[in-house]
Amino acid sequence: MSYNPKFGPNAQTPAERANVLRQIKATNPDLVKKATPYVHRLYGQYVAGELSWEEVCALRDAPQILPDVYNQPQ
């Protein structure tokens, strides 16, 4: 396995990233209490190696903008 700089030296495999996430959640329980299903999916994408932790945080903290379907021109 080659080193991926997107993740830290102790988070190169899914098992290592899952362990990092467990440690983060243990030190900050609000990450679990306040997490929406969307945020839980982001955590899963981090463990799978699809997102870095920085990307997870940016997406988690970004405002969720939904289309205004009720005020569309007809």
C-alpha atoms as a PDB file:
ATOM      1  CA  MET A   1       0.000   0.000   0.000  1.00  0.00           C
ATOM      2  CA  SER A   2       1.355   3.405  -0.911  1.00  0.00           C
ATOM      3  CA  TYR A   3       1.215   6.371   1.427  1.00  0.00           C
ATOM      4  CA  ASN A   4      -1.671   8.759   0.751  1.00  0.00           C
ATOM      5  CA  PRO A   5      -0.894  12.285   2.011  1.00  0.00           C
ATOM      6  CA  LYS A   6      -4.650  13.014   2.065  1.00  0.00           C
ATOM      7  CA  PHE A   7      -4.750  11.076   5.340  1.00  0.00           C
ATOM      8  CA  GLY A   8      -2.394  11.194   8.287  1.00  0.00           C
ATOM      9  CA  PRO A   9       0.283   8.584   8.881  1.00  0.00           C
ATOM     10  CA  ASN A  10      -1.986   6.732  11.329  1.00  0.00           C
ATOM     11  CA  ALA A  11      -5.066   6.810   9.065  1.00  0.00           C
ATOM     12  CA  GLN A  12      -3.966   5.054   5.897  1.00  0.00           C
ATOM     13  CA  THR A  13      -6.394   2.106   5.993  1.00  0.00           C
ATOM     14  CA  PRO A  14     -10.154   1.973   6.621  1.00  0.00           C
ATOM     15  CA  ALA A  15      -9.521   0.246   9.964  1.00  0.00           C
ATOM     16  CA  GLU A  16      -7.101   2.979  11.014  1.00  0.00           C
ATOM     17  CA  ARG A  17      -9.530   5.720   9.922  1.00  0.00           C
ATOM     18  CA  ALA A  18     -12.349   4.013  11.849  1.00  0.00           C
ATOM     19  CA  ASN A  19     -10.116   4.005  14.930  1.00  0.00           C
ATOM     20  CA  VAL A  20      -9.298   7.705  14.439  1.00  0.00           C
ATOM     21  CA  LEU A  21     -13.021   8.469  14.116  1.00  0.00           C
ATOM     22  CA  ARG A  22     -13.769   6.493  17.303  1.00  0.00           C
ATOM     23  CA  GLN A  23     -11.141   8.518  19.151  1.00  0.00           C
ATOM     24  CA  ILE A  24     -12.504  11.809  17.796  1.00  0.00           C
ATOM     25  CA  LYS A  25     -16.047  10.856  18.827  1.00  0.00           C
ATOM     26  CA  ALA A  26     -14.858   9.783  22.289  1.00  0.00           C
ATOM     27  CA  THR A  27     -13.198  13.137  22.923  1.00  0.00           C
ATOM     28  CA  ASN A  28     -16.087  15.158  21.469  1.00  0.00           C
ATOM     29  CA  PRO A  29     -19.432  13.388  22.117  1.00  0.00           C
ATOM     30  CA  ASP A  30     -21.350  16.268  20.491  1.00  0.00           C
ATOM     31  CA  LEU A  31     -20.096  15.013  17.127  1.00  0.00           C
ATOM     32  CA  VAL A  32     -22.367  12.014  17.631  1.00  0.00           C
ATOM     33  CA  LYS A  33     -25.255  13.675  19.482  1.00  0.00           C
ATOM     34  CA  LYS A  34     -25.723  16.467  16.941  1.00  0.00           C
ATOM     35  CA  ALA A  35     -24.887  14.471  13.819  1.00  0.00           C
ATOM     36  CA  THR A  36     -27.581  14.251  11.169  1.00  0.00           C
ATOM     37  CA  PRO A  37     -27.889  11.261   8.827  1.00  0.00           C
ATOM     38  CA  TYR A  38     -26.019  13.364   6.248  1.00  0.00           C
ATOM     39  CA  VAL A  39     -23.087  13.829   8.641  1.00  0.00           C
ATOM     40  CA  HIS A  40     -23.037  10.116   9.474  1.00  0.00           C
ATOM     41  CA  ARG A  41     -22.718   9.440   5.735  1.00  0.00           C
ATOM     42  CA  LEU A  42     -19.769  11.846   5.615  1.00  0.00           C
ATOM     43  CA  TYR A  43     -18.133   9.930   8.464  1.00  0.00           C
ATOM     44  CA  GLY A  44     -18.627   6.720   6.499  1.00  0.00           C
ATOM     45  CA  GLN A  45     -17.052   8.294   3.432  1.00  0.00           C
ATOM     46  CA  TYR A  46     -14.053   9.288   5.557  1.00  0.00           C
ATOM     47  CA  VAL A  47     -13.607   5.730   6.819  1.00  0.00           C
ATOM     48  CA  ALA A  48     -13.951   4.417   3.247  1.00  0.00           C
ATOM     49  CA  GLY A  49     -11.221   6.784   2.091  1.00  0.00           C
ATOM     50  CA  GLU A  50     -13.465   8.865  -0.159  1.00  0.00           C
ATOM     51  CA  LEU A  51     -13.050  12.079   1.881  1.00  0.00           C
ATOM     52  CA  SER A  52     -10.281  13.479   4.038  1.00  0.00           C
ATOM     53  CA  TRP A  53     -11.137  14.655   7.548  1.00  0.00           C
ATOM     54  CA  GLU A  54     -10.711  18.248   6.367  1.00  0.00           C
ATOM     55  CA  GLU A  55     -13.274  17.625   3.609  1.00  0.00           C
ATOM     56  CA  VAL A  56     -15.680  16.026   6.099  1.00  0.00           C
ATOM     57  CA  CYS A  57     -15.424  19.061   8.390  1.00  0.00           C
ATOM     58  CA  ALA A  58     -15.891  21.513   5.518  1.00  0.00           C
ATOM     59  CA  LEU A  59     -18.971  19.689   4.208  1.00  0.00           C
ATOM     60  CA  ARG A  60     -20.355  19.147   7.717  1.00  0.00           C
ATOM     61  CA  ASP A  61     -20.054  22.842   8.568  1.00  0.00           C
ATOM     62  CA  ALA A  62     -21.256  24.177   5.204  1.00  0.00           C
ATOM     63  CA  PRO A  63     -24.825  25.459   5.110  1.00  0.00           C
ATOM     64  CA  GLN A  64     -27.159  23.013   3.451  1.00  0.00           C
ATOM     65  CA  ILE A  65     -28.818  24.925   0.643  1.00  0.00           C
ATOM     66  CA  LEU A  66     -31.966  23.355  -0.698  1.00  0.00           C
ATOM     67  CA  PRO A  67     -33.756  24.514  -3.822  1.00  0.00           C
ATOM     68  CA  ASP A  68     -36.814  26.639  -3.222  1.00  0.00           C
ATOM     69  CA  VAL A  69     -39.321  24.520  -5.111  1.00  0.00           C
ATOM     70  CA  TYR A  70     -42.305  26.560  -3.942  1.00  0.00           C
ATOM     71  CA  ASN A  71     -41.240  29.856  -5.481  1.00  0.00           C
ATOM     72  CA  GLN A  72     -40.198  28.656  -8.927  1.00  0.00           C
ATOM     73  CA  PRO A  73     -41.549  30.617 -11.904  1.00  0.00           C
ATOM     74  CA  GLN A  74     -44.303  28.744 -13.703  1.00  0.00           C
END
